[in-house]
Each structure stands twice: as structure tokens, then as C-alpha cells.
């Protein structure tokens, strides 16, 4: 019986993949498997992974013939996984030695649907600890109770799939797969679905994932049209939350978060290609008009004046013909 399946998508990360694989080796156990998904890389990554399949205990190498994006690559790994528990790692990040055995032990002790963990963000030589925005540690709770309050950062705002571990029963219930084809913000609908529909979770104070921030090839650093998938991702969050029996309570949080993300992208619009920047404004304006307007008004009233004014002005922007999210 495989105890843990670790799903690791790779795309054009030949510079970082050796560090990632060495850290997996330092976490290997005879009942662990490492599913290495190459998303049709165009550099030397596939050769590195093919060698790892021979040398890394428990490694399984899967190669996409076409690039599908991170969400699709993770889904490929989920479909191949045999473990009682599943977790994720990105192909340019790495782990502390012995981290996964400790996380499995915590999972088995608590017996919940999923765990959330802290992580270390690495930007050049700087190291910063980022913690799950959930105060109670090592206590099993209802995930729905961790969505609110609306005006504070909560567990649904900490949307890193690799910062945690997940029981196989979530796969069986259809809760662990990602929205196929999303190129960015793929974790957002996913984390909201987990918190709305899973039965139990806990946050634990285990540090072991090192998240490499500012990688030049990362989508967060690239201002092309793929970045605009955040609109499709948050439209899904809004639509699914609106259908929830407790929509009246949960929608204000979803709408406020959507507004904050739109504001964030507009605040760094200079990194986008000119045509994409123009499309960002048009699609964001359309997204604001699609939101429940009374809930949106309340969200804007709760934001600082500068951001709220920009978003209100954007909402009034005429929509060009043919613009769609």
C-alpha cells in the first residue's frame, strides 16, 4: 500500500529541478511515490526527470505531449496517484529533509480530510516564514468555519496547494482535482471548494516547504495573456459560492477577495504587455459588473478610499464589443 503520493509538475525548470529532486530523495520512504509530471518542457527538464525515474526511489515519470498548464499537470498526477494521502510540490521548489514523514505522522494523528502548513518563501537570498492565517493549531475543525471573517485574511486566502496534505477520500468525493486548463490562480477555486465541501481540516506548525519566489519563468513574473486566467478562476469562485446554502454569509468574502486581486493586478499593470493591459482593464470592468451588485457595493464601502475609487471608476467603464472573460 502506498502511503503518500507526491505530485510534482515541471515545466522548463532545468536550472532548479536537480535541487527539487535531491530534496525529494531526502524525503523518500519505501511506501512513498513521487509522480514527476513534465508539462511538455522545451529545455533539458525531461532528460533530468527520466534519469530521476531510475535513481529516485518511488519515482514515476509522466510526460505531457502538449503543454496544459499547472492545473492540468496536477490533475494528471492525481489520476496516477495510488497513495492514501496526496500532496503537491512545484518543480522549482524544495523540501527540508524528513519533512513528509513528519507531515504524514500529523495527518494520521489528527485523522482529518486535509492539513494546512506554514512555508518558507525564498526570494534571492532572503528567507521569510509565511504562516497559515488560522490561529488554532493541531485542532480538527470544520473547514467552512475558516472561510470567514470577510475583512481578515483567512485560510481560503492561503491558497498554496503544496502547503498541506490531503486524504484520498477527497479524490473519491471529487474535491481534489483542479479546473482543467487554468494557467494562473488555479488554487483559488480549488481551496474554496475544499473549505466549502470537505468535512474536516487542521492547521499544523510544520515548516518544510521552501517556495522559490521571483523565478523569471514563473507565470507570476510574466505579463502575458495567461495571467488573465485569474478572472476565470474567480468567476468560478463567485458562481459556486453563490450556489452554496450559506451564500449570503460567504459571498461578501468571495467578492471582496476578487476585488482585492483585481486591484493588485491593476496596481502593477506596467508589467503587462500593452495589449494585455488593455484587455485586463476591459475584462476586470466586465467582471465587476457580473458580481452581485449589492454585495459589491458593500465590499467597496469596506475598502480603502483609493482602491474603492479606482474600482468604482472601472465598473463604470463602457464595455467594448466582443469583450468576454
Protein backbone atom coordinates (compact mmCIF):
# COMPACT_ATOMS: atom_id res chain seq x y z
CA UNK A 1 0.00 0.00 0.00
CA UNK A 2 1.37 3.41 -0.99
CA UNK A 3 1.04 5.75 1.98
CA UNK A 4 1.84 9.07 0.25
CA UNK A 5 1.74 10.27 -3.36
CA UNK A 6 3.71 13.46 -4.06
CA UNK A 7 2.65 15.16 -7.31
CA UNK A 8 5.35 17.38 -8.83
CA UNK A 9 4.69 19.23 -12.12
CA UNK A 10 7.74 20.51 -14.03
CA UNK A 11 7.93 22.97 -16.91
CA UNK A 12 11.20 24.38 -18.25
CA UNK A 13 12.93 24.29 -14.86
CA UNK A 14 16.20 22.52 -15.69
CA UNK A 15 18.05 25.04 -13.51
CA UNK A 16 16.03 24.16 -10.40
CA UNK A 17 14.84 20.56 -10.94
CA UNK A 18 18.04 18.95 -9.52
CA UNK A 19 17.53 20.75 -6.17
CA UNK A 20 13.86 19.71 -6.12
CA UNK A 21 14.75 16.08 -6.83
CA UNK A 22 17.51 15.98 -4.22
CA UNK A 23 15.04 17.23 -1.62
CA UNK A 24 12.58 14.51 -2.63
CA UNK A 25 15.34 11.94 -2.19
CA UNK A 26 15.85 13.26 1.35
CA UNK A 27 12.14 12.56 1.97
CA UNK A 28 11.93 9.13 0.34
CA UNK A 29 10.37 6.17 2.12
CA UNK A 30 9.53 2.74 0.77
CA UNK A 31 5.78 3.50 0.93
CA UNK A 32 6.08 6.94 -0.77
CA UNK A 33 5.76 7.61 -4.50
CA UNK A 34 6.86 10.71 -6.40
CA UNK A 35 4.86 11.42 -9.57
CA UNK A 36 7.03 13.65 -11.76
CA UNK A 37 4.85 15.27 -14.45
CA UNK A 38 6.70 17.05 -17.25
CA UNK A 39 4.31 19.50 -18.91
CA UNK A 40 5.98 19.34 -22.34
CA UNK A 41 9.15 21.22 -21.35
CA UNK A 42 11.32 22.57 -24.15
CA UNK A 43 14.61 22.58 -22.22
CA UNK A 44 16.58 19.79 -20.53
CA UNK A 45 13.97 19.08 -17.86
CA UNK A 46 12.65 15.81 -19.42
CA UNK A 47 16.13 14.27 -19.50
CA UNK A 48 16.68 15.20 -15.85
CA UNK A 49 13.35 13.57 -14.90
CA UNK A 50 14.00 10.44 -16.95
CA UNK A 51 17.25 9.97 -15.03
CA UNK A 52 15.44 10.63 -11.73
CA UNK A 53 12.94 7.88 -12.51
CA UNK A 54 15.86 5.44 -12.49
CA UNK A 55 17.64 6.88 -9.46
CA UNK A 56 14.97 8.27 -7.09
CA UNK A 57 13.16 5.57 -5.06
CA UNK A 58 9.42 5.65 -5.77
CA UNK A 59 9.71 7.98 -8.80
CA UNK A 60 7.16 7.74 -11.62
CA UNK A 61 7.84 9.87 -14.71
CA UNK A 62 4.86 11.08 -16.80
CA UNK A 63 5.29 13.31 -19.86
CA UNK A 64 2.64 15.50 -21.50
CA UNK A 65 2.80 15.69 -25.29
CA UNK A 66 1.22 19.15 -25.15
CA UNK A 67 1.61 21.89 -22.56
CA UNK A 68 -1.56 22.12 -20.48
CA UNK A 69 -0.59 24.33 -17.57
CA UNK A 70 -0.13 23.68 -13.86
CA UNK A 71 -3.75 22.71 -13.11
CA UNK A 72 -3.80 20.10 -15.87
CA UNK A 73 -0.40 18.71 -14.83
CA UNK A 74 -1.56 18.35 -11.24
CA UNK A 75 -4.71 16.56 -12.42
CA UNK A 76 -2.54 14.11 -14.37
CA UNK A 77 -0.67 13.38 -11.16
CA UNK A 78 -3.86 12.97 -9.13
CA UNK A 79 -5.16 10.46 -11.67
CA UNK A 80 -1.94 8.42 -11.41
CA UNK A 81 -1.65 8.62 -7.62
CA UNK A 82 -2.11 5.46 -5.55
CA UNK A 83 -1.43 6.85 -2.09
CA UNK A 84 -3.70 7.01 0.94
CA UNK A 85 -2.56 10.63 1.19
CA UNK A 86 -1.63 13.11 -1.54
CA UNK A 87 0.39 16.29 -1.61
CA UNK A 88 1.93 18.64 -4.17
CA UNK A 89 5.25 20.32 -4.82
CA UNK A 90 6.21 22.67 -7.65
CA UNK A 91 9.17 21.76 -9.82
CA UNK A 92 11.25 24.78 -8.80
CA UNK A 93 10.69 24.50 -5.02
CA UNK A 94 12.30 22.18 -2.47
CA UNK A 95 11.81 20.47 0.89
CA UNK A 96 13.57 20.12 4.22
CA UNK A 97 14.92 16.59 4.83
CA UNK A 98 12.40 14.35 6.56
CA UNK A 99 9.51 16.79 6.18
CA UNK A 100 6.99 14.43 4.56
CA UNK A 101 7.30 11.66 7.19
CA UNK A 102 6.51 14.28 9.87
CA UNK A 103 3.51 15.53 7.88
CA UNK A 104 2.18 12.00 7.40
CA UNK A 105 2.51 11.41 11.15
CA UNK A 106 0.50 14.58 11.84
CA UNK A 107 -2.13 13.53 9.30
CA UNK A 108 -2.53 10.11 10.88
CA UNK A 109 -2.71 11.54 14.39
CA UNK A 110 -5.42 14.08 13.51
CA UNK A 111 -7.38 11.91 11.04
CA UNK A 112 -8.88 14.86 9.14
CA UNK A 113 -9.61 15.39 5.44
CA UNK A 114 -6.72 17.80 4.94
CA UNK A 115 -3.92 19.66 6.69
CA UNK A 116 -2.56 23.15 6.04
CA UNK A 117 1.05 24.02 6.84
CA UNK A 118 3.33 27.05 7.02
CA UNK A 119 6.13 27.57 4.46
CA UNK A 120 9.34 29.48 3.83
CA UNK A 121 9.34 31.98 0.95
CA UNK A 122 12.72 32.35 -0.73
CA UNK A 123 13.43 35.49 -2.77
CA UNK A 124 17.07 35.56 -3.88
CA UNK A 125 18.95 35.12 -0.57
CA UNK A 126 16.09 36.32 1.66
CA UNK A 127 14.05 33.81 3.67
CA UNK A 128 10.64 34.68 5.12
CA UNK A 129 8.28 32.41 7.07
CA UNK A 130 4.65 32.61 5.91
CA UNK A 131 2.07 31.09 8.21
CA UNK A 132 -1.41 29.74 7.61
CA UNK A 133 -3.78 32.57 8.62
CA UNK A 134 -5.55 30.33 11.08
CA UNK A 135 -4.85 30.76 14.76
CA UNK A 136 -5.77 27.33 16.15
CA UNK A 137 -3.09 24.71 15.54
CA UNK A 138 -3.39 20.94 15.79
CA UNK A 139 -7.17 21.14 16.32
CA UNK A 140 -9.57 19.46 13.90
CA UNK A 141 -12.24 21.90 12.74
CA UNK A 142 -14.89 22.39 10.08
CA UNK A 143 -13.28 23.98 7.00
CA UNK A 144 -16.35 26.17 6.45
CA UNK A 145 -15.68 27.88 9.77
CA UNK A 146 -12.27 29.02 8.47
CA UNK A 147 -13.62 30.94 5.44
CA UNK A 148 -14.75 33.98 7.43
CA UNK A 149 -14.44 36.74 8.63
CA UNK A 150 -14.79 38.76 5.45
CA UNK A 151 -12.42 41.57 6.40
CA UNK A 152 -9.43 39.47 7.52
CA UNK A 153 -7.06 37.09 5.80
CA UNK A 154 -8.28 33.52 6.35
CA UNK A 155 -7.39 30.02 5.23
CA UNK A 156 -9.03 30.44 1.79
CA UNK A 157 -6.62 33.31 1.11
CA UNK A 158 -3.68 30.97 1.73
CA UNK A 159 -4.27 29.05 -1.47
CA UNK A 160 -0.99 27.15 -1.92
CA UNK A 161 -1.79 23.54 -2.80
CA UNK A 162 1.69 22.40 -1.76
CA UNK A 163 1.25 23.82 1.75
CA UNK A 164 -0.62 20.81 3.07
CA UNK A 165 -1.62 17.18 2.71
CA UNK A 166 -4.91 15.62 1.57
CA UNK A 167 -6.70 12.35 2.26
CA UNK A 168 -7.64 10.15 -0.69
CA UNK A 169 -11.31 10.37 0.23
CA UNK A 170 -11.21 13.93 -1.16
CA UNK A 171 -10.32 12.47 -4.57
CA UNK A 172 -13.17 9.99 -4.26
CA UNK A 173 -15.57 12.86 -3.48
CA UNK A 174 -14.39 14.88 -6.49
CA UNK A 175 -12.88 17.67 -4.37
CA UNK A 176 -9.16 17.46 -5.13
CA UNK A 177 -8.96 17.99 -8.90
CA UNK A 178 -8.25 21.45 -10.29
CA UNK A 179 -10.16 23.31 -13.01
CA UNK A 180 -8.53 21.95 -16.14
CA UNK A 181 -6.63 24.45 -18.26
CA UNK A 182 -6.37 27.31 -15.75
CA UNK A 183 -2.96 28.93 -16.25
CA UNK A 184 -2.94 31.02 -13.09
CA UNK A 185 -4.95 31.30 -9.84
CA UNK A 186 -5.73 27.59 -10.23
CA UNK A 187 -5.50 27.21 -6.44
CA UNK A 188 -8.32 29.70 -5.77
CA UNK A 189 -11.46 27.78 -6.86
CA UNK A 190 -9.77 24.66 -5.51
CA UNK A 191 -9.18 25.98 -1.97
CA UNK A 192 -12.68 27.48 -1.80
CA UNK A 193 -14.23 24.16 -2.85
CA UNK A 194 -12.21 22.32 -0.20
CA UNK A 195 -13.33 24.69 2.52
CA UNK A 196 -16.97 24.66 1.45
CA UNK A 197 -17.34 20.91 0.92
CA UNK A 198 -14.75 18.93 2.90
CA UNK A 199 -15.74 17.84 6.40
CA UNK A 200 -12.61 18.42 8.48
CA UNK A 201 -9.21 20.11 8.43
CA UNK A 202 -6.46 21.32 10.72
CA UNK A 203 -3.51 23.70 10.57
CA UNK A 204 -0.17 22.46 11.89
CA UNK A 205 3.05 24.31 12.67
CA UNK A 206 5.38 22.29 10.45
CA UNK A 207 7.93 24.08 8.28
CA UNK A 208 9.40 22.15 5.40
CA UNK A 209 8.40 23.62 2.03
CA UNK A 210 10.73 26.22 0.52
CA UNK A 211 8.84 28.29 -2.06
CA UNK A 212 11.07 29.93 -4.65
CA UNK A 213 9.64 33.38 -5.40
CA UNK A 214 10.64 35.62 -8.31
CA UNK A 215 11.69 32.90 -10.75
CA UNK A 216 11.91 34.56 -14.18
CA UNK A 217 9.96 31.78 -15.91
CA UNK A 218 7.16 31.76 -13.33
CA UNK A 219 3.77 32.97 -14.52
CA UNK A 220 3.65 35.40 -11.61
CA UNK A 221 6.59 37.20 -13.27
CA UNK A 222 5.25 37.11 -16.84
CA UNK A 223 2.79 39.74 -18.07
CA UNK A 224 1.21 37.83 -20.92
CA UNK A 225 -2.41 36.86 -21.52
CA UNK A 226 -2.18 33.72 -19.37
CA UNK A 227 -2.23 35.96 -16.29
CA UNK A 228 -5.81 36.93 -17.10
CA UNK A 229 -7.00 33.43 -16.18
CA UNK A 230 -7.39 34.81 -12.65
CA UNK A 231 -10.71 36.25 -13.88
CA UNK A 232 -11.99 32.85 -14.98
CA UNK A 233 -10.79 31.39 -11.68
CA UNK A 234 -12.58 33.96 -9.53
CA UNK A 235 -15.71 33.88 -11.68
CA UNK A 236 -15.83 30.20 -10.74
CA UNK A 237 -15.39 31.03 -7.04
CA UNK A 238 -18.26 33.53 -7.21
CA UNK A 239 -20.60 31.21 -9.16
CA UNK A 240 -20.01 28.20 -6.91
CA UNK A 241 -20.24 30.24 -3.70
CA UNK A 242 -23.48 31.85 -4.91
CA UNK A 243 -24.96 28.35 -5.20
CA UNK A 244 -23.98 27.46 -1.63
CA UNK A 245 -26.75 27.21 1.01
CA UNK A 246 -24.87 29.83 3.05
CA UNK A 247 -24.25 32.15 0.12
CA UNK A 248 -25.47 35.22 2.00
CA UNK A 249 -22.71 34.78 4.56
CA UNK A 250 -19.91 33.62 2.23
CA UNK A 251 -20.37 35.78 -0.88
CA UNK A 252 -19.10 39.01 0.72
CA UNK A 253 -15.77 37.29 1.40
CA UNK A 254 -15.51 35.95 -2.16
CA UNK A 255 -16.42 39.30 -3.74
CA UNK A 256 -14.06 41.29 -1.53
CA UNK A 257 -11.19 38.93 -2.35
CA UNK A 258 -11.94 39.16 -6.08
CA UNK A 259 -11.86 42.96 -5.83
CA UNK A 260 -8.55 42.87 -3.98
CA UNK A 261 -6.99 40.67 -6.68
CA UNK A 262 -8.26 42.94 -9.48
CA UNK A 263 -6.83 45.92 -7.62
CA UNK A 264 -3.50 44.13 -7.18
CA UNK A 265 -3.17 43.45 -10.92
CA UNK A 266 -4.18 46.99 -11.84
CA UNK A 267 -1.60 48.29 -9.39
CA UNK A 268 1.19 46.54 -11.30
CA UNK A 269 -0.26 46.97 -14.78
CA UNK A 270 3.05 48.21 -16.19
CA UNK A 271 4.42 44.64 -16.17
CA UNK A 272 1.80 43.56 -18.71
CA UNK A 273 2.24 43.76 -22.45
CA UNK A 274 0.24 46.81 -23.73
CA UNK A 275 -2.47 44.74 -25.44
CA UNK A 276 -2.82 42.54 -22.35
CA UNK A 277 -3.01 45.60 -20.06
CA UNK A 278 -5.88 46.96 -22.15
CA UNK A 279 -7.62 43.60 -22.00
CA UNK A 280 -7.06 43.41 -18.24
CA UNK A 281 -8.96 46.66 -17.75
CA UNK A 282 -11.85 45.63 -20.02
CA UNK A 283 -12.19 42.14 -18.53
CA UNK A 284 -11.93 43.47 -14.97
CA UNK A 285 -14.67 46.03 -15.66
CA UNK A 286 -16.90 43.29 -17.05
CA UNK A 287 -16.13 41.07 -14.03
CA UNK A 288 -17.17 43.85 -11.63
CA UNK A 289 -20.46 44.24 -13.46
CA UNK A 290 -21.09 40.47 -13.24
CA UNK A 291 -20.71 40.37 -9.48
CA UNK A 292 -23.77 40.60 -7.22
CA UNK A 293 -24.05 44.39 -7.20
CA UNK A 294 -25.34 44.88 -3.65
CA UNK A 295 -22.56 42.65 -2.31
CA UNK A 296 -20.05 44.51 -4.46
CA UNK A 297 -21.22 47.87 -3.11
CA UNK A 298 -20.72 46.62 0.45
CA UNK A 299 -17.25 45.30 -0.44
CA UNK A 300 -16.19 48.61 -1.99
CA UNK A 301 -17.52 50.52 1.01
CA UNK A 302 -15.27 48.42 3.25
CA UNK A 303 -12.09 49.04 1.22
CA UNK A 304 -9.72 51.97 1.47
CA UNK A 305 -10.79 55.06 -0.48
CA UNK A 306 -8.10 54.89 -3.16
CA UNK A 307 -8.76 51.28 -4.17
CA UNK A 308 -12.53 51.66 -3.93
CA UNK A 309 -12.50 54.77 -6.13
CA UNK A 310 -10.43 53.05 -8.82
CA UNK A 311 -12.71 50.03 -8.85
CA UNK A 312 -15.89 52.12 -8.95
CA UNK A 313 -14.47 54.09 -11.87
CA UNK A 314 -13.55 50.84 -13.62
CA UNK A 315 -17.04 49.41 -13.09
CA UNK A 316 -18.50 52.41 -14.95
CA UNK A 317 -16.13 51.90 -17.89
CA UNK A 318 -18.06 51.09 -21.11
CA UNK A 319 -17.52 47.53 -22.30
CA UNK A 320 -16.05 47.24 -25.82
CA UNK A 321 -17.97 44.97 -28.16
CA UNK A 322 -16.82 41.39 -28.07
CA UNK A 323 -15.02 41.55 -24.71
CA UNK A 324 -15.64 38.48 -22.58
CA UNK A 325 -13.97 36.91 -19.58
